[in-house]
Structures are given as C-alpha cells and as structure tokens.
C-alpha atoms as a PDB file:
ATOM      1  CA  UNK A   1      -7.613 -23.148 -10.575  1.00  0.00           C
ATOM      2  CA  UNK A   2      -7.527 -19.379 -11.139  1.00  0.00           C
ATOM      3  CA  UNK A   3      -5.137 -17.376  -9.006  1.00  0.00           C
ATOM      4  CA  UNK A   4      -6.947 -14.710  -7.005  1.00  0.00           C
ATOM      5  CA  UNK A   5      -5.115 -11.723  -5.568  1.00  0.00           C
ATOM      6  CA  UNK A   6      -6.989 -10.087  -2.711  1.00  0.00           C
ATOM      7  CA  UNK A   7      -6.208  -7.383  -0.192  1.00  0.00           C
ATOM      8  CA  UNK A   8      -7.051  -6.706   3.415  1.00  0.00           C
ATOM      9  CA  UNK A   9      -6.179  -4.321   6.210  1.00  0.00           C
ATOM     10  CA  UNK A  10      -4.928  -6.233   9.259  1.00  0.00           C
ATOM     11  CA  UNK A  11      -5.506  -3.695  12.031  1.00  0.00           C
ATOM     12  CA  UNK A  12      -3.874  -5.813  14.741  1.00  0.00           C
ATOM     13  CA  UNK A  13      -0.625  -6.217  12.783  1.00  0.00           C
ATOM     14  CA  UNK A  14      -0.787  -2.690  11.310  1.00  0.00           C
ATOM     15  CA  UNK A  15      -0.403  -4.073   7.815  1.00  0.00           C
ATOM     16  CA  UNK A  16      -2.108  -3.819   4.479  1.00  0.00           C
ATOM     17  CA  UNK A  17      -1.752  -7.294   3.005  1.00  0.00           C
ATOM     18  CA  UNK A  18      -1.916  -8.806  -0.462  1.00  0.00           C
ATOM     19  CA  UNK A  19      -2.837 -12.477  -0.585  1.00  0.00           C
ATOM     20  CA  UNK A  20      -2.769 -14.922  -3.461  1.00  0.00           C
ATOM     21  CA  UNK A  21      -5.328 -17.666  -2.971  1.00  0.00           C
ATOM     22  CA  UNK A  22      -5.270 -16.902   0.772  1.00  0.00           C
ATOM     23  CA  UNK A  23      -1.459 -16.887   1.137  1.00  0.00           C
ATOM     24  CA  UNK A  24       0.308 -13.646   2.008  1.00  0.00           C
ATOM     25  CA  UNK A  25       2.552 -12.512  -0.859  1.00  0.00           C
ATOM     26  CA  UNK A  26       3.082  -8.810  -0.099  1.00  0.00           C
ATOM     27  CA  UNK A  27       2.444  -6.275   2.638  1.00  0.00           C
ATOM     28  CA  UNK A  28       2.885  -2.681   3.671  1.00  0.00           C
ATOM     29  CA  UNK A  29       3.469  -1.692   7.276  1.00  0.00           C
ATOM     30  CA  UNK A  30       1.145   1.202   8.050  1.00  0.00           C
ATOM     31  CA  UNK A  31       0.143   3.379  11.001  1.00  0.00           C
ATOM     32  CA  UNK A  32      -2.724   5.815  11.415  1.00  0.00           C
ATOM     33  CA  UNK A  33      -1.631   9.432  11.948  1.00  0.00           C
ATOM     34  CA  UNK A  34      -4.412  11.383  13.579  1.00  0.00           C
ATOM     35  CA  UNK A  35      -7.869  11.021  12.128  1.00  0.00           C
ATOM     36  CA  UNK A  36      -7.025  11.858   8.535  1.00  0.00           C
ATOM     37  CA  UNK A  37      -3.734  10.242   7.517  1.00  0.00           C
ATOM     38  CA  UNK A  38      -1.997   6.901   7.080  1.00  0.00           C
ATOM     39  CA  UNK A  39       1.791   6.545   7.354  1.00  0.00           C
ATOM     40  CA  UNK A  40       3.165   3.865   5.035  1.00  0.00           C
ATOM     41  CA  UNK A  41       6.508   2.806   6.527  1.00  0.00           C
ATOM     42  CA  UNK A  42       7.656  -0.237   4.594  1.00  0.00           C
ATOM     43  CA  UNK A  43       6.510  -2.403   1.686  1.00  0.00           C
ATOM     44  CA  UNK A  44       7.704  -5.876   0.915  1.00  0.00           C
ATOM     45  CA  UNK A  45       6.946  -8.581  -1.604  1.00  0.00           C
ATOM     46  CA  UNK A  46       7.918 -11.964  -0.232  1.00  0.00           C
ATOM     47  CA  UNK A  47      10.933 -13.346  -2.135  1.00  0.00           C
ATOM     48  CA  UNK A  48       9.105 -16.230  -3.828  1.00  0.00           C
ATOM     49  CA  UNK A  49       6.632 -13.751  -5.330  1.00  0.00           C
ATOM     50  CA  UNK A  50       8.903 -10.943  -6.516  1.00  0.00           C
ATOM     51  CA  UNK A  51       8.700  -9.682 -10.098  1.00  0.00           C
ATOM     52  CA  UNK A  52       5.054 -10.620 -10.635  1.00  0.00           C
ATOM     53  CA  UNK A  53       3.487  -7.180 -10.168  1.00  0.00           C
ATOM     54  CA  UNK A  54       2.159  -7.862  -6.692  1.00  0.00           C
ATOM     55  CA  UNK A  55       3.881  -4.805  -5.186  1.00  0.00           C
ATOM     56  CA  UNK A  56       2.219  -2.486  -7.689  1.00  0.00           C
ATOM     57  CA  UNK A  57      -1.148  -4.197  -7.207  1.00  0.00           C
ATOM     58  CA  UNK A  58      -0.746  -3.788  -3.434  1.00  0.00           C
ATOM     59  CA  UNK A  59      -0.042  -0.066  -3.856  1.00  0.00           C
ATOM     60  CA  UNK A  60      -3.095   0.433  -6.095  1.00  0.00           C
ATOM     61  CA  UNK A  61      -5.324  -1.345  -3.578  1.00  0.00           C
ATOM     62  CA  UNK A  62      -3.798   0.545  -0.637  1.00  0.00           C
ATOM     63  CA  UNK A  63      -4.372   3.931  -2.298  1.00  0.00           C
ATOM     64  CA  UNK A  64      -7.943   2.892  -3.198  1.00  0.00           C
ATOM     65  CA  UNK A  65      -8.531   2.078   0.477  1.00  0.00           C
ATOM     66  CA  UNK A  66      -7.044   5.417   1.586  1.00  0.00           C
ATOM     67  CA  UNK A  67      -9.213   7.303  -0.908  1.00  0.00           C
ATOM     68  CA  UNK A  68     -12.326   5.392   0.133  1.00  0.00           C
ATOM     69  CA  UNK A  69     -11.637   6.322   3.774  1.00  0.00           C
ATOM     70  CA  UNK A  70     -10.882   9.964   2.839  1.00  0.00           C
ATOM     71  CA  UNK A  71      -7.351   9.631   4.215  1.00  0.00           C
ATOM     72  CA  UNK A  72      -4.148  11.192   2.988  1.00  0.00           C
ATOM     73  CA  UNK A  73      -0.967   9.155   2.798  1.00  0.00           C
ATOM     74  CA  UNK A  74       2.472   9.902   4.235  1.00  0.00           C
ATOM     75  CA  UNK A  75       4.791   7.683   2.130  1.00  0.00           C
ATOM     76  CA  UNK A  76       8.042   7.368   4.082  1.00  0.00           C
ATOM     77  CA  UNK A  77       8.447   3.963   2.423  1.00  0.00           C
ATOM     78  CA  UNK A  78      10.812   4.363  -0.550  1.00  0.00           C
ATOM     79  CA  UNK A  79       8.814   1.885  -2.638  1.00  0.00           C
ATOM     80  CA  UNK A  80       5.540   3.748  -2.021  1.00  0.00           C
ATOM     81  CA  UNK A  81       7.152   7.120  -2.809  1.00  0.00           C
ATOM     82  CA  UNK A  82       8.673   5.739  -6.025  1.00  0.00           C
ATOM     83  CA  UNK A  83       5.319   4.239  -7.007  1.00  0.00           C
ATOM     84  CA  UNK A  84       3.649   7.642  -6.591  1.00  0.00           C
ATOM     85  CA  UNK A  85       6.333   9.371  -8.652  1.00  0.00           C
ATOM     86  CA  UNK A  86       5.790   6.793 -11.396  1.00  0.00           C
ATOM     87  CA  UNK A  87       1.991   7.087 -11.131  1.00  0.00           C
ATOM     88  CA  UNK A  88       1.259  10.771 -10.526  1.00  0.00           C
ATOM     89  CA  UNK A  89      -2.499  10.158 -10.443  1.00  0.00           C
ATOM     90  CA  UNK A  90      -1.936   9.195  -6.787  1.00  0.00           C
ATOM     91  CA  UNK A  91      -0.277  12.500  -5.831  1.00  0.00           C
ATOM     92  CA  UNK A  92      -3.612  14.004  -4.667  1.00  0.00           C
ATOM     93  CA  UNK A  93      -3.699  11.325  -1.956  1.00  0.00           C
ATOM     94  CA  UNK A  94      -0.330  12.392  -0.501  1.00  0.00           C
ATOM     95  CA  UNK A  95      -0.421  14.670   2.531  1.00  0.00           C
ATOM     96  CA  UNK A  96      -0.112  18.254   1.235  1.00  0.00           C
ATOM     97  CA  UNK A  97       3.453  19.518   1.505  1.00  0.00           C
ATOM     98  CA  UNK A  98       4.996  16.051   1.897  1.00  0.00           C
ATOM     99  CA  UNK A  99       8.047  15.842  -0.392  1.00  0.00           C
ATOM    100  CA  UNK A 100       8.291  13.021  -2.884  1.00  0.00           C
END
C-alpha cells in the first residue's frame, strides 16, 4: 500500500486539512477576510504524525489553493509565518504590508 497525502478545504469547519490515506494528520484553521484574503490562525500536525514533513506539505498545498483562488494570506499563525520566512517564494501571497 502506498501512502497518499491529500488536502481539502473543509468550509464547515473552517479548516484546510491534510489527510494520509483518508485520515486527518494536519490542519490549519482559516477564515475568509473579505472577498480577497484568507486568515490563517493556527496550524497543527497531530502528535502521531509530527516530524514527517506533513506541516510543510500542508503549507505548500494551502498556498497553492490561495494562489489558485487569487487570494492573499494573512498569516497570524506562527508556523505559517515561519514557513513563509523560510520559503520567500510565498511572500507575494501575503497581504501587502503584513509584517512577517
């Protein structure tokens, strides 16, 4: 069996979720802000799945979704902000003027 990491936006729970073979392993709590922005409040990798790169994969997929939807991101989540600082290619997706 090959492990498959997939991602989905759960609108009802206001979460962007990473799942491994259908089981939630990581998530970010998010909220829309107006018509053009997404606030990312908190990111968590479930304890049994820490240290496997799922948090980074979740961030990459989240930013891909934001870009696809032409949204900017407001990263109040410390993990998301640190990820952006480490991967400056995502800075253009941050709301202009938002401090990292």
